[in-house]
């Protein structure tokens, strides 16, 4: 199931801009204190590093991802998600756009 709305949040209005604008997100906290970000990755192949464990939820578009230490790429589309461990990394390939919610553990 794809998340379409998140109510009662405190949003950081300054955008997080990565990779020369190929990834733009906004960080927020929910009313229960959960930290998340919502954003879009445009057409690119990028490597992201994690501090905290993350769940990447695809809300629109699609991507392929490969976790650190793995050789196989996995496809994700709207309504699907993938998890990344803390202090790790993942490669992501996006053909058009990948709209996501990042849920931090």
PDB file of N, CA and C in Angstrom:
ATOM      1  N   UNK A   1       0.849  -1.184   0.000  1.00  0.00           N
ATOM      2  CA  UNK A   1       0.000   0.000   0.000  1.00  0.00           C
ATOM      3  C   UNK A   1       0.893   1.245   0.000  1.00  0.00           C
ATOM      4  N   UNK A   2       0.596   2.184  -0.833  1.00  0.00           N
ATOM      5  CA  UNK A   2       1.377   3.404  -0.955  1.00  0.00           C
ATOM      6  C   UNK A   2       0.847   4.481  -0.011  1.00  0.00           C
ATOM      7  N   UNK A   3       1.747   5.103   0.730  1.00  0.00           N
ATOM      8  CA  UNK A   3       1.369   6.224   1.587  1.00  0.00           C
ATOM      9  C   UNK A   3       1.042   7.416   0.704  1.00  0.00           C
ATOM     10  N   UNK A   4      -0.124   8.018   0.889  1.00  0.00           N
ATOM     11  CA  UNK A   4      -0.511   9.180   0.085  1.00  0.00           C
ATOM     12  C   UNK A   4      -0.540  10.464   0.898  1.00  0.00           C
ATOM     13  N   UNK A   5      -0.722  10.358   2.212  1.00  0.00           N
ATOM     14  CA  UNK A   5      -0.805  11.530   3.083  1.00  0.00           C
ATOM     15  C   UNK A   5      -0.177  11.200   4.426  1.00  0.00           C
ATOM     16  N   UNK A   6       0.540  12.164   4.991  1.00  0.00           N
ATOM     17  CA  UNK A   6       1.066  12.040   6.350  1.00  0.00           C
ATOM     18  C   UNK A   6       0.595  13.272   7.106  1.00  0.00           C
ATOM     19  N   UNK A   7      -0.237  13.073   8.098  1.00  0.00           N
ATOM     20  CA  UNK A   7      -0.832  14.184   8.836  1.00  0.00           C
ATOM     21  C   UNK A   7       0.044  14.622  10.007  1.00  0.00           C
ATOM     22  N   UNK A   8      -0.169  15.857  10.461  1.00  0.00           N
ATOM     23  CA  UNK A   8       0.431  16.405  11.679  1.00  0.00           C
ATOM     24  C   UNK A   8       1.943  16.246  11.707  1.00  0.00           C
ATOM     25  N   UNK A   9       2.624  16.938  10.807  1.00  0.00           N
ATOM     26  CA  UNK A   9       4.086  16.871  10.747  1.00  0.00           C
ATOM     27  C   UNK A   9       4.708  18.240  10.989  1.00  0.00           C
ATOM     28  N   UNK A  10       5.953  18.218  11.434  1.00  0.00           N
ATOM     29  CA  UNK A  10       6.772  19.427  11.504  1.00  0.00           C
ATOM     30  C   UNK A  10       7.784  19.308  10.377  1.00  0.00           C
ATOM     31  N   UNK A  11       7.652  20.182   9.388  1.00  0.00           N
ATOM     32  CA  UNK A  11       8.424  20.101   8.151  1.00  0.00           C
ATOM     33  C   UNK A  11       9.567  21.110   8.156  1.00  0.00           C
ATOM     34  N   UNK A  12      10.751  20.665   7.745  1.00  0.00           N
ATOM     35  CA  UNK A  12      11.865  21.570   7.506  1.00  0.00           C
ATOM     36  C   UNK A  12      11.701  22.121   6.103  1.00  0.00           C
ATOM     37  N   UNK A  13      11.532  23.431   5.979  1.00  0.00           N
ATOM     38  CA  UNK A  13      11.196  24.010   4.681  1.00  0.00           C
ATOM     39  C   UNK A  13      12.391  24.114   3.731  1.00  0.00           C
ATOM     40  N   UNK A  14      13.593  24.181   4.255  1.00  0.00           N
ATOM     41  CA  UNK A  14      14.773  24.231   3.384  1.00  0.00           C
ATOM     42  C   UNK A  14      14.994  22.839   2.806  1.00  0.00           C
ATOM     43  N   UNK A  15      15.081  22.760   1.501  1.00  0.00           N
ATOM     44  CA  UNK A  15      15.245  21.477   0.818  1.00  0.00           C
ATOM     45  C   UNK A  15      16.646  20.915   1.025  1.00  0.00           C
ATOM     46  N   UNK A  16      16.721  19.599   1.063  1.00  0.00           N
ATOM     47  CA  UNK A  16      17.999  18.878   1.014  1.00  0.00           C
ATOM     48  C   UNK A  16      18.260  18.613  -0.466  1.00  0.00           C
ATOM     49  N   UNK A  17      19.328  19.175  -1.001  1.00  0.00           N
ATOM     50  CA  UNK A  17      19.634  19.035  -2.424  1.00  0.00           C
ATOM     51  C   UNK A  17      20.948  18.262  -2.542  1.00  0.00           C
ATOM     52  N   UNK A  18      20.897  17.127  -3.231  1.00  0.00           N
ATOM     53  CA  UNK A  18      22.058  16.254  -3.379  1.00  0.00           C
ATOM     54  C   UNK A  18      22.369  16.036  -4.855  1.00  0.00           C
ATOM     55  N   UNK A  19      23.618  15.700  -5.122  1.00  0.00           N
ATOM     56  CA  UNK A  19      24.040  15.296  -6.465  1.00  0.00           C
ATOM     57  C   UNK A  19      23.636  16.320  -7.533  1.00  0.00           C
ATOM     58  N   UNK A  20      23.992  17.586  -7.282  1.00  0.00           N
ATOM     59  CA  UNK A  20      23.726  18.669  -8.244  1.00  0.00           C
ATOM     60  C   UNK A  20      22.251  18.770  -8.622  1.00  0.00           C
ATOM     61  N   UNK A  21      21.369  18.518  -7.653  1.00  0.00           N
ATOM     62  CA  UNK A  21      19.935  18.665  -7.880  1.00  0.00           C
ATOM     63  C   UNK A  21      19.241  17.433  -8.420  1.00  0.00           C
ATOM     64  N   UNK A  22      19.970  16.343  -8.571  1.00  0.00           N
ATOM     65  CA  UNK A  22      19.332  15.121  -9.082  1.00  0.00           C
ATOM     66  C   UNK A  22      18.514  14.408  -8.006  1.00  0.00           C
ATOM     67  N   UNK A  23      18.693  14.825  -6.744  1.00  0.00           N
ATOM     68  CA  UNK A  23      17.865  14.331  -5.641  1.00  0.00           C
ATOM     69  C   UNK A  23      17.527  15.515  -4.740  1.00  0.00           C
ATOM     70  N   UNK A  24      16.242  15.721  -4.509  1.00  0.00           N
ATOM     71  CA  UNK A  24      15.781  16.820  -3.652  1.00  0.00           C
ATOM     72  C   UNK A  24      14.751  16.242  -2.683  1.00  0.00           C
ATOM     73  N   UNK A  25      14.926  16.559  -1.385  1.00  0.00           N
ATOM     74  CA  UNK A  25      13.994  16.052  -0.390  1.00  0.00           C
ATOM     75  C   UNK A  25      13.730  17.094   0.681  1.00  0.00           C
ATOM     76  N   UNK A  26      12.717  16.836   1.492  1.00  0.00           N
ATOM     77  CA  UNK A  26      12.392  17.648   2.664  1.00  0.00           C
ATOM     78  C   UNK A  26      12.284  16.712   3.859  1.00  0.00           C
ATOM     79  N   UNK A  27      12.914  17.102   4.961  1.00  0.00           N
ATOM     80  CA  UNK A  27      12.873  16.324   6.202  1.00  0.00           C
ATOM     81  C   UNK A  27      11.694  16.773   7.050  1.00  0.00           C
ATOM     82  N   UNK A  28      11.141  15.825   7.808  1.00  0.00           N
ATOM     83  CA  UNK A  28      10.054  16.173   8.722  1.00  0.00           C
ATOM     84  C   UNK A  28       9.988  15.174   9.862  1.00  0.00           C
ATOM     85  N   UNK A  29       9.271  15.565  10.921  1.00  0.00           N
ATOM     86  CA  UNK A  29       8.980  14.679  12.042  1.00  0.00           C
ATOM     87  C   UNK A  29       7.479  14.552  12.162  1.00  0.00           C
ATOM     88  N   UNK A  30       7.036  13.345  12.469  1.00  0.00           N
ATOM     89  CA  UNK A  30       5.609  13.126  12.678  1.00  0.00           C
ATOM     90  C   UNK A  30       5.234  13.547  14.092  1.00  0.00           C
ATOM     91  N   UNK A  31       3.948  13.568  14.367  1.00  0.00           N
ATOM     92  CA  UNK A  31       3.466  13.943  15.698  1.00  0.00           C
ATOM     93  C   UNK A  31       3.978  12.993  16.774  1.00  0.00           C
ATOM     94  N   UNK A  32       4.330  11.764  16.390  1.00  0.00           N
ATOM     95  CA  UNK A  32       4.852  10.789  17.346  1.00  0.00           C
ATOM     96  C   UNK A  32       6.386  10.804  17.417  1.00  0.00           C
ATOM     97  N   UNK A  33       7.021  11.738  16.691  1.00  0.00           N
ATOM     98  CA  UNK A  33       8.472  11.888  16.753  1.00  0.00           C
ATOM     99  C   UNK A  33       9.267  11.093  15.737  1.00  0.00           C
ATOM    100  N   UNK A  34       8.600  10.392  14.837  1.00  0.00           N
ATOM    101  CA  UNK A  34       9.308   9.639  13.800  1.00  0.00           C
ATOM    102  C   UNK A  34       9.958  10.603  12.807  1.00  0.00           C
ATOM    103  N   UNK A  35      11.216  10.321  12.436  1.00  0.00           N
ATOM    104  CA  UNK A  35      11.921  11.132  11.447  1.00  0.00           C
ATOM    105  C   UNK A  35      11.770  10.494  10.073  1.00  0.00           C
ATOM    106  N   UNK A  36      11.460  11.343   9.087  1.00  0.00           N
ATOM    107  CA  UNK A  36      11.265  10.872   7.723  1.00  0.00           C
ATOM    108  C   UNK A  36      11.715  11.964   6.761  1.00  0.00           C
ATOM    109  N   UNK A  37      11.831  11.619   5.503  1.00  0.00           N
ATOM    110  CA  UNK A  37      12.001  12.619   4.461  1.00  0.00           C
ATOM    111  C   UNK A  37      11.191  12.163   3.264  1.00  0.00           C
ATOM    112  N   UNK A  38      10.814  13.117   2.455  1.00  0.00           N
ATOM    113  CA  UNK A  38      10.058  12.837   1.247  1.00  0.00           C
ATOM    114  C   UNK A  38      10.729  13.592   0.110  1.00  0.00           C
ATOM    115  N   UNK A  39      10.900  12.916  -1.030  1.00  0.00           N
ATOM    116  CA  UNK A  39      11.615  13.584  -2.111  1.00  0.00           C
ATOM    117  C   UNK A  39      11.495  12.867  -3.424  1.00  0.00           C
ATOM    118  N   UNK A  40      12.362  13.292  -4.344  1.00  0.00           N
ATOM    119  CA  UNK A  40      12.384  12.724  -5.689  1.00  0.00           C
ATOM    120  C   UNK A  40      13.836  12.624  -6.156  1.00  0.00           C
ATOM    121  N   UNK A  41      14.120  11.503  -6.833  1.00  0.00           N
ATOM    122  CA  UNK A  41      15.399  11.320  -7.508  1.00  0.00           C
ATOM    123  C   UNK A  41      15.090  11.352  -8.997  1.00  0.00           C
ATOM    124  N   UNK A  42      15.792  12.222  -9.710  1.00  0.00           N
ATOM    125  CA  UNK A  42      15.606  12.320 -11.150  1.00  0.00           C
ATOM    126  C   UNK A  42      16.545  11.344 -11.859  1.00  0.00           C
ATOM    127  N   UNK A  43      16.456  11.277 -13.166  1.00  0.00           N
ATOM    128  CA  UNK A  43      17.234  10.329 -13.955  1.00  0.00           C
ATOM    129  C   UNK A  43      18.723  10.397 -13.603  1.00  0.00           C
ATOM    130  N   UNK A  44      19.241   9.278 -13.064  1.00  0.00           N
ATOM    131  CA  UNK A  44      20.647   9.237 -12.648  1.00  0.00           C
ATOM    132  C   UNK A  44      20.968   7.852 -12.108  1.00  0.00           C
ATOM    133  N   UNK A  45      22.255   7.596 -11.939  1.00  0.00           N
ATOM    134  CA  UNK A  45      22.754   6.459 -11.169  1.00  0.00           C
ATOM    135  C   UNK A  45      23.599   7.050 -10.060  1.00  0.00           C
ATOM    136  N   UNK A  46      23.201   6.797  -8.810  1.00  0.00           N
ATOM    137  CA  UNK A  46      23.810   7.457  -7.645  1.00  0.00           C
ATOM    138  C   UNK A  46      24.105   6.442  -6.550  1.00  0.00           C
ATOM    139  N   UNK A  47      24.981   6.829  -5.621  1.00  0.00           N
ATOM    140  CA  UNK A  47      25.254   6.036  -4.424  1.00  0.00           C
ATOM    141  C   UNK A  47      24.914   6.867  -3.201  1.00  0.00           C
ATOM    142  N   UNK A  48      24.066   6.323  -2.339  1.00  0.00           N
ATOM    143  CA  UNK A  48      23.669   6.976  -1.098  1.00  0.00           C
ATOM    144  C   UNK A  48      24.282   6.229   0.076  1.00  0.00           C
ATOM    145  N   UNK A  49      24.755   6.957   1.067  1.00  0.00           N
ATOM    146  CA  UNK A  49      25.248   6.389   2.317  1.00  0.00           C
ATOM    147  C   UNK A  49      24.194   6.577   3.387  1.00  0.00           C
ATOM    148  N   UNK A  50      24.119   5.621   4.312  1.00  0.00           N
ATOM    149  CA  UNK A  50      23.155   5.723   5.399  1.00  0.00           C
ATOM    150  C   UNK A  50      23.884   5.846   6.732  1.00  0.00           C
ATOM    151  N   UNK A  51      23.265   6.587   7.644  1.00  0.00           N
ATOM    152  CA  UNK A  51      23.699   6.612   9.030  1.00  0.00           C
ATOM    153  C   UNK A  51      22.787   5.683   9.803  1.00  0.00           C
ATOM    154  N   UNK A  52      21.520   6.035   9.809  1.00  0.00           N
ATOM    155  CA  UNK A  52      20.484   5.197  10.422  1.00  0.00           C
ATOM    156  C   UNK A  52      19.984   4.193   9.394  1.00  0.00           C
ATOM    157  N   UNK A  53      19.378   3.114   9.876  1.00  0.00           N
ATOM    158  CA  UNK A  53      18.716   2.190   8.967  1.00  0.00           C
ATOM    159  C   UNK A  53      17.552   2.930   8.298  1.00  0.00           C
ATOM    160  N   UNK A  54      17.244   2.570   7.058  1.00  0.00           N
ATOM    161  CA  UNK A  54      16.200   3.258   6.297  1.00  0.00           C
ATOM    162  C   UNK A  54      15.287   2.262   5.604  1.00  0.00           C
ATOM    163  N   UNK A  55      14.046   2.681   5.430  1.00  0.00           N
ATOM    164  CA  UNK A  55      13.108   1.996   4.546  1.00  0.00           C
ATOM    165  C   UNK A  55      12.733   3.012   3.476  1.00  0.00           C
ATOM    166  N   UNK A  56      13.012   2.676   2.224  1.00  0.00           N
ATOM    167  CA  UNK A  56      12.675   3.550   1.110  1.00  0.00           C
ATOM    168  C   UNK A  56      11.361   3.055   0.499  1.00  0.00           C
ATOM    169  N   UNK A  57      10.337   3.882   0.612  1.00  0.00           N
ATOM    170  CA  UNK A  57       9.015   3.562   0.078  1.00  0.00           C
ATOM    171  C   UNK A  57       8.818   4.309  -1.231  1.00  0.00           C
ATOM    172  N   UNK A  58       8.547   3.594  -2.305  1.00  0.00           N
ATOM    173  CA  UNK A  58       8.287   4.215  -3.605  1.00  0.00           C
ATOM    174  C   UNK A  58       6.822   4.634  -3.673  1.00  0.00           C
ATOM    175  N   UNK A  59       6.581   5.940  -3.834  1.00  0.00           N
ATOM    176  CA  UNK A  59       5.207   6.425  -3.932  1.00  0.00           C
ATOM    177  C   UNK A  59       4.808   6.748  -5.375  1.00  0.00           C
ATOM    178  N   UNK A  60       5.801   6.895  -6.262  1.00  0.00           N
ATOM    179  CA  UNK A  60       5.531   7.097  -7.693  1.00  0.00           C
ATOM    180  C   UNK A  60       6.827   6.855  -8.451  1.00  0.00           C
ATOM    181  N   UNK A  61       6.700   6.533  -9.724  1.00  0.00           N
ATOM    182  CA  UNK A  61       7.876   6.265 -10.531  1.00  0.00           C
ATOM    183  C   UNK A  61       8.431   4.889 -10.233  1.00  0.00           C
ATOM    184  N   UNK A  62       9.736   4.732 -10.476  1.00  0.00           N
ATOM    185  CA  UNK A  62      10.378   3.443 -10.287  1.00  0.00           C
ATOM    186  C   UNK A  62      11.884   3.637 -10.214  1.00  0.00           C
ATOM    187  N   UNK A  63      12.567   2.600  -9.732  1.00  0.00           N
ATOM    188  CA  UNK A  63      14.023   2.605  -9.707  1.00  0.00           C
ATOM    189  C   UNK A  63      14.518   1.174  -9.644  1.00  0.00           C
ATOM    190  N   UNK A  64      15.819   1.038  -9.778  1.00  0.00           N
ATOM    191  CA  UNK A  64      16.506  -0.198  -9.465  1.00  0.00           C
ATOM    192  C   UNK A  64      17.507   0.142  -8.380  1.00  0.00           C
ATOM    193  N   UNK A  65      17.723  -0.779  -7.445  1.00  0.00           N
ATOM    194  CA  UNK A  65      18.682  -0.527  -6.376  1.00  0.00           C
ATOM    195  C   UNK A  65      19.550  -1.757  -6.150  1.00  0.00           C
ATOM    196  N   UNK A  66      20.730  -1.509  -5.593  1.00  0.00           N
ATOM    197  CA  UNK A  66      21.665  -2.567  -5.245  1.00  0.00           C
ATOM    198  C   UNK A  66      22.264  -2.207  -3.897  1.00  0.00           C
ATOM    199  N   UNK A  67      22.126  -3.096  -2.916  1.00  0.00           N
ATOM    200  CA  UNK A  67      22.670  -2.856  -1.588  1.00  0.00           C
ATOM    201  C   UNK A  67      24.181  -3.074  -1.574  1.00  0.00           C
ATOM    202  N   UNK A  68      24.853  -2.406  -0.663  1.00  0.00           N
ATOM    203  CA  UNK A  68      26.300  -2.541  -0.499  1.00  0.00           C
ATOM    204  C   UNK A  68      26.670  -4.017  -0.335  1.00  0.00           C
ATOM    205  N   UNK A  69      27.685  -4.438  -1.087  1.00  0.00           N
ATOM    206  CA  UNK A  69      28.161  -5.809  -0.995  1.00  0.00           C
ATOM    207  C   UNK A  69      27.401  -6.800  -1.845  1.00  0.00           C
ATOM    208  N   UNK A  70      26.343  -6.363  -2.521  1.00  0.00           N
ATOM    209  CA  UNK A  70      25.573  -7.259  -3.387  1.00  0.00           C
ATOM    210  C   UNK A  70      25.849  -6.947  -4.852  1.00  0.00           C
ATOM    211  N   UNK A  71      25.644  -7.904  -5.699  1.00  0.00           N
ATOM    212  CA  UNK A  71      25.861  -7.732  -7.142  1.00  0.00           C
ATOM    213  C   UNK A  71      24.555  -7.538  -7.906  1.00  0.00           C
ATOM    214  N   UNK A  72      23.458  -8.047  -7.354  1.00  0.00           N
ATOM    215  CA  UNK A  72      22.186  -8.062  -8.074  1.00  0.00           C
ATOM    216  C   UNK A  72      21.407  -6.766  -7.879  1.00  0.00           C
ATOM    217  N   UNK A  73      20.874  -6.241  -8.980  1.00  0.00           N
ATOM    218  CA  UNK A  73      19.986  -5.090  -8.947  1.00  0.00           C
ATOM    219  C   UNK A  73      18.553  -5.589  -8.750  1.00  0.00           C
ATOM    220  N   UNK A  74      17.740  -4.808  -8.023  1.00  0.00           N
ATOM    221  CA  UNK A  74      16.342  -5.143  -7.757  1.00  0.00           C
ATOM    222  C   UNK A  74      15.468  -3.986  -8.223  1.00  0.00           C
ATOM    223  N   UNK A  75      14.357  -4.289  -8.877  1.00  0.00           N
ATOM    224  CA  UNK A  75      13.426  -3.260  -9.363  1.00  0.00           C
ATOM    225  C   UNK A  75      12.375  -2.957  -8.302  1.00  0.00           C
ATOM    226  N   UNK A  76      12.023  -1.674  -8.189  1.00  0.00           N
ATOM    227  CA  UNK A  76      10.991  -1.215  -7.258  1.00  0.00           C
ATOM    228  C   UNK A  76      10.096  -0.231  -8.006  1.00  0.00           C
ATOM    229  N   UNK A  77       8.793  -0.343  -7.773  1.00  0.00           N
ATOM    230  CA  UNK A  77       7.839   0.599  -8.364  1.00  0.00           C
ATOM    231  C   UNK A  77       6.852   1.047  -7.290  1.00  0.00           C
ATOM    232  N   UNK A  78       5.945   1.928  -7.661  1.00  0.00           N
ATOM    233  CA  UNK A  78       4.987   2.477  -6.698  1.00  0.00           C
ATOM    234  C   UNK A  78       4.306   1.377  -5.906  1.00  0.00           C
ATOM    235  N   UNK A  79       4.240   1.589  -4.574  1.00  0.00           N
ATOM    236  CA  UNK A  79       3.617   0.630  -3.684  1.00  0.00           C
ATOM    237  C   UNK A  79       4.590  -0.371  -3.090  1.00  0.00           C
ATOM    238  N   UNK A  80       5.854  -0.337  -3.535  1.00  0.00           N
ATOM    239  CA  UNK A  80       6.861  -1.256  -3.025  1.00  0.00           C
ATOM    240  C   UNK A  80       7.908  -0.492  -2.218  1.00  0.00           C
ATOM    241  N   UNK A  81       8.734  -1.226  -1.487  1.00  0.00           N
ATOM    242  CA  UNK A  81       9.758  -0.589  -0.660  1.00  0.00           C
ATOM    243  C   UNK A  81      10.978  -1.491  -0.542  1.00  0.00           C
ATOM    244  N   UNK A  82      12.077  -0.918  -0.067  1.00  0.00           N
ATOM    245  CA  UNK A  82      13.260  -1.711   0.238  1.00  0.00           C
ATOM    246  C   UNK A  82      13.944  -1.121   1.460  1.00  0.00           C
ATOM    247  N   UNK A  83      14.731  -1.963   2.144  1.00  0.00           N
ATOM    248  CA  UNK A  83      15.376  -1.569   3.397  1.00  0.00           C
ATOM    249  C   UNK A  83      16.889  -1.553   3.246  1.00  0.00           C
ATOM    250  N   UNK A  84      17.527  -0.627   3.956  1.00  0.00           N
ATOM    251  CA  UNK A  84      18.973  -0.481   3.974  1.00  0.00           C
ATOM    252  C   UNK A  84      19.406  -0.438   5.430  1.00  0.00           C
ATOM    253  N   UNK A  85      20.451  -1.157   5.762  1.00  0.00           N
ATOM    254  CA  UNK A  85      20.943  -1.176   7.133  1.00  0.00           C
ATOM    255  C   UNK A  85      21.649   0.116   7.513  1.00  0.00           C
ATOM    256  N   UNK A  86      21.864   0.303   8.811  1.00  0.00           N
ATOM    257  CA  UNK A  86      22.566   1.490   9.297  1.00  0.00           C
ATOM    258  C   UNK A  86      24.032   1.429   8.885  1.00  0.00           C
ATOM    259  N   UNK A  87      24.623   2.623   8.726  1.00  0.00           N
ATOM    260  CA  UNK A  87      26.033   2.749   8.347  1.00  0.00           C
ATOM    261  C   UNK A  87      26.378   1.889   7.146  1.00  0.00           C
ATOM    262  N   UNK A  88      25.569   1.990   6.109  1.00  0.00           N
ATOM    263  CA  UNK A  88      25.747   1.209   4.899  1.00  0.00           C
ATOM    264  C   UNK A  88      25.610   2.127   3.690  1.00  0.00           C
ATOM    265  N   UNK A  89      25.323   1.540   2.549  1.00  0.00           N
ATOM    266  CA  UNK A  89      25.096   2.341   1.338  1.00  0.00           C
ATOM    267  C   UNK A  89      24.278   1.519   0.352  1.00  0.00           C
ATOM    268  N   UNK A  90      23.771   2.212  -0.656  1.00  0.00           N
ATOM    269  CA  UNK A  90      23.077   1.544  -1.755  1.00  0.00           C
ATOM    270  C   UNK A  90      23.244   2.362  -3.011  1.00  0.00           C
ATOM    271  N   UNK A  91      23.272   1.675  -4.144  1.00  0.00           N
ATOM    272  CA  UNK A  91      23.286   2.310  -5.455  1.00  0.00           C
ATOM    273  C   UNK A  91      21.857   2.329  -5.953  1.00  0.00           C
ATOM    274  N   UNK A  92      21.518   3.399  -6.663  1.00  0.00           N
ATOM    275  CA  UNK A  92      20.172   3.527  -7.217  1.00  0.00           C
ATOM    276  C   UNK A  92      20.279   3.989  -8.668  1.00  0.00           C
ATOM    277  N   UNK A  93      19.497   3.343  -9.547  1.00  0.00           N
ATOM    278  CA  UNK A  93      19.401   3.734 -10.954  1.00  0.00           C
ATOM    279  C   UNK A  93      17.969   4.164 -11.213  1.00  0.00           C
ATOM    280  N   UNK A  94      17.816   5.372 -11.713  1.00  0.00           N
ATOM    281  CA  UNK A  94      16.485   5.919 -12.004  1.00  0.00           C
ATOM    282  C   UNK A  94      16.458   6.328 -13.472  1.00  0.00           C
ATOM    283  N   UNK A  95      15.476   5.823 -14.214  1.00  0.00           N
ATOM    284  CA  UNK A  95      15.344   6.156 -15.628  1.00  0.00           C
ATOM    285  C   UNK A  95      14.627   7.486 -15.827  1.00  0.00           C
ATOM    286  N   UNK A  96      13.529   7.720 -15.102  1.00  0.00           N
ATOM    287  CA  UNK A  96      12.770   8.968 -15.253  1.00  0.00           C
ATOM    288  C   UNK A  96      12.684   9.697 -13.922  1.00  0.00           C
ATOM    289  N   UNK A  97      11.917   9.159 -12.967  1.00  0.00           N
ATOM    290  CA  UNK A  97      11.862   9.754 -11.628  1.00  0.00           C
ATOM    291  C   UNK A  97      11.415   8.704 -10.617  1.00  0.00           C
ATOM    292  N   UNK A  98      11.899   8.889  -9.390  1.00  0.00           N
ATOM    293  CA  UNK A  98      11.580   7.996  -8.285  1.00  0.00           C
ATOM    294  C   UNK A  98      11.148   8.880  -7.127  1.00  0.00           C
ATOM    295  N   UNK A  99       9.845   8.870  -6.808  1.00  0.00           N
ATOM    296  CA  UNK A  99       9.302   9.654  -5.708  1.00  0.00           C
ATOM    297  C   UNK A  99       9.234   8.752  -4.489  1.00  0.00           C
ATOM    298  N   UNK A 100       9.757   9.234  -3.367  1.00  0.00           N
ATOM    299  CA  UNK A 100       9.900   8.335  -2.230  1.00  0.00           C
ATOM    300  C   UNK A 100       9.587   8.995  -0.897  1.00  0.00           C
ATOM    301  N   UNK A 101       9.345   8.140   0.093  1.00  0.00           N
ATOM    302  CA  UNK A 101       9.352   8.511   1.496  1.00  0.00           C
ATOM    303  C   UNK A 101      10.442   7.661   2.124  1.00  0.00           C
ATOM    304  N   UNK A 102      11.368   8.305   2.818  1.00  0.00           N
ATOM    305  CA  UNK A 102      12.410   7.591   3.538  1.00  0.00           C
ATOM    306  C   UNK A 102      12.010   7.554   5.002  1.00  0.00           C
ATOM    307  N   UNK A 103      11.795   6.342   5.502  1.00  0.00           N
ATOM    308  CA  UNK A 103      11.444   6.125   6.903  1.00  0.00           C
ATOM    309  C   UNK A 103      12.730   5.735   7.642  1.00  0.00           C
ATOM    310  N   UNK A 104      13.161   6.561   8.576  1.00  0.00           N
ATOM    311  CA  UNK A 104      14.392   6.278   9.323  1.00  0.00           C
ATOM    312  C   UNK A 104      14.074   5.423  10.540  1.00  0.00           C
ATOM    313  N   UNK A 105      14.917   4.408  10.773  1.00  0.00           N
ATOM    314  CA  UNK A 105      14.699   3.496  11.906  1.00  0.00           C
ATOM    315  C   UNK A 105      15.375   4.042  13.158  1.00  0.00           C
TER     316      UNK A 105
END
